[in-house]
Amino acid sequence: MTDGPFAETKELLAGFWMIQVKSRAEAIEWASRIPFSEGEVVEIRPVFETEDFPAEVMPPEEKAREETLRAALEKKARPQNSLPAEIAPP
């Protein structure tokens, strides 16, 4: 029996960064500045948004459903007494 394709929990870091870059090369360049010790590992994983998928993979009705769900979740996460983002002070 094996644990699977992933490292054991005791071997993992308890955190992550999300950065927005234009290319994998830019992500690698950014990660190369992380002040880790010799032998430590940084995983670079892409994150996709609905706009990244062509219509044959995510049809327009699915994109609309995703946008509706995202808006509902953002509204639910906003405190009851806060102003909408478009009129809230900076």
Protein backbone atom coordinates (compact mmCIF):
# COMPACT_ATOMS: atom_id res chain seq x y z
CA MET A 1 0.00 0.00 0.00
CA THR A 2 1.24 3.50 -0.80
CA ASP A 3 0.19 6.93 0.42
CA GLY A 4 -0.55 8.07 -3.11
CA PRO A 5 1.15 10.49 -5.48
CA PHE A 6 1.44 13.25 -2.90
CA ALA A 7 4.05 13.92 -0.23
CA GLU A 8 3.18 13.03 3.34
CA THR A 9 1.64 15.82 5.39
CA LYS A 10 4.69 16.08 7.62
CA GLU A 11 6.68 16.98 4.49
CA LEU A 12 4.40 19.81 3.38
CA LEU A 13 4.44 23.53 4.05
CA ALA A 14 1.41 25.00 5.74
CA GLY A 15 0.83 27.93 3.42
CA PHE A 16 0.75 29.21 -0.12
CA TRP A 17 1.01 32.33 -2.23
CA MET A 18 -1.17 33.21 -5.16
CA ILE A 19 0.47 35.52 -7.66
CA GLN A 20 -0.83 36.83 -10.95
CA VAL A 21 1.74 36.68 -13.72
CA LYS A 22 1.63 36.63 -17.51
CA SER A 23 3.66 33.46 -18.02
CA ARG A 24 5.13 30.40 -16.37
CA ALA A 25 8.58 31.92 -16.91
CA GLU A 26 7.55 35.01 -14.94
CA ALA A 27 6.23 32.77 -12.14
CA ILE A 28 9.52 30.88 -12.04
CA GLU A 29 11.47 34.15 -11.95
CA TRP A 30 9.26 35.37 -9.08
CA ALA A 31 9.67 32.07 -7.18
CA SER A 32 13.45 32.18 -7.61
CA ARG A 33 13.54 35.15 -5.21
CA ILE A 34 11.85 33.22 -2.36
CA PRO A 35 14.33 33.10 0.54
CA PHE A 36 14.25 29.34 1.19
CA SER A 37 17.10 27.16 2.35
CA GLU A 38 18.93 24.63 0.19
CA GLY A 39 16.79 21.61 -0.66
CA GLU A 40 13.40 23.21 -0.04
CA VAL A 41 10.83 22.91 -2.82
CA VAL A 42 8.37 25.39 -4.29
CA GLU A 43 5.52 24.08 -6.43
CA ILE A 44 4.18 26.31 -9.18
CA ARG A 45 0.62 25.52 -10.22
CA PRO A 46 -1.56 27.41 -12.67
CA VAL A 47 -5.00 28.63 -11.61
CA PHE A 48 -7.60 29.14 -14.30
CA GLU A 49 -10.65 31.37 -14.51
CA THR A 50 -13.74 30.82 -16.63
CA GLU A 51 -12.48 33.30 -19.25
CA ASP A 52 -9.47 31.04 -19.85
CA PHE A 53 -11.58 28.24 -21.31
CA PRO A 54 -12.84 28.16 -24.92
CA ALA A 55 -16.58 27.80 -25.63
CA GLU A 56 -16.24 24.13 -26.55
CA VAL A 57 -14.93 23.40 -23.06
CA MET A 58 -17.12 25.83 -21.11
CA PRO A 59 -20.23 26.91 -23.03
CA PRO A 60 -21.62 30.43 -22.49
CA GLU A 61 -24.48 29.14 -20.30
CA GLU A 62 -21.95 27.47 -17.98
CA LYS A 63 -19.88 30.68 -17.81
CA ALA A 64 -23.05 32.61 -16.90
CA ARG A 65 -23.88 30.04 -14.21
CA GLU A 66 -20.36 30.34 -12.80
CA GLU A 67 -20.56 34.15 -12.73
CA THR A 68 -23.95 34.03 -10.96
CA LEU A 69 -22.61 31.61 -8.36
CA ARG A 70 -19.47 33.70 -7.83
CA ALA A 71 -21.54 36.88 -7.34
CA ALA A 72 -23.81 35.11 -4.83
CA LEU A 73 -20.83 33.83 -2.85
CA GLU A 74 -19.20 37.27 -2.81
CA LYS A 75 -22.46 38.82 -1.60
CA LYS A 76 -22.80 36.17 1.11
CA ALA A 77 -19.20 36.74 2.26
CA ARG A 78 -19.68 40.51 2.55
CA PRO A 79 -20.65 41.66 6.06
CA GLN A 80 -24.31 42.66 6.35
CA ASN A 81 -23.57 46.33 7.15
CA SER A 82 -20.91 46.89 4.48
CA LEU A 83 -21.45 48.92 1.37
CA PRO A 84 -21.32 47.36 -2.11
CA ALA A 85 -17.83 47.49 -3.62
CA GLU A 86 -18.85 50.04 -6.24
CA ILE A 87 -19.83 52.65 -3.59
CA ALA A 88 -17.60 51.67 -0.66
CA PRO A 89 -14.85 54.16 0.22
CA PRO A 90 -11.33 53.14 -0.87
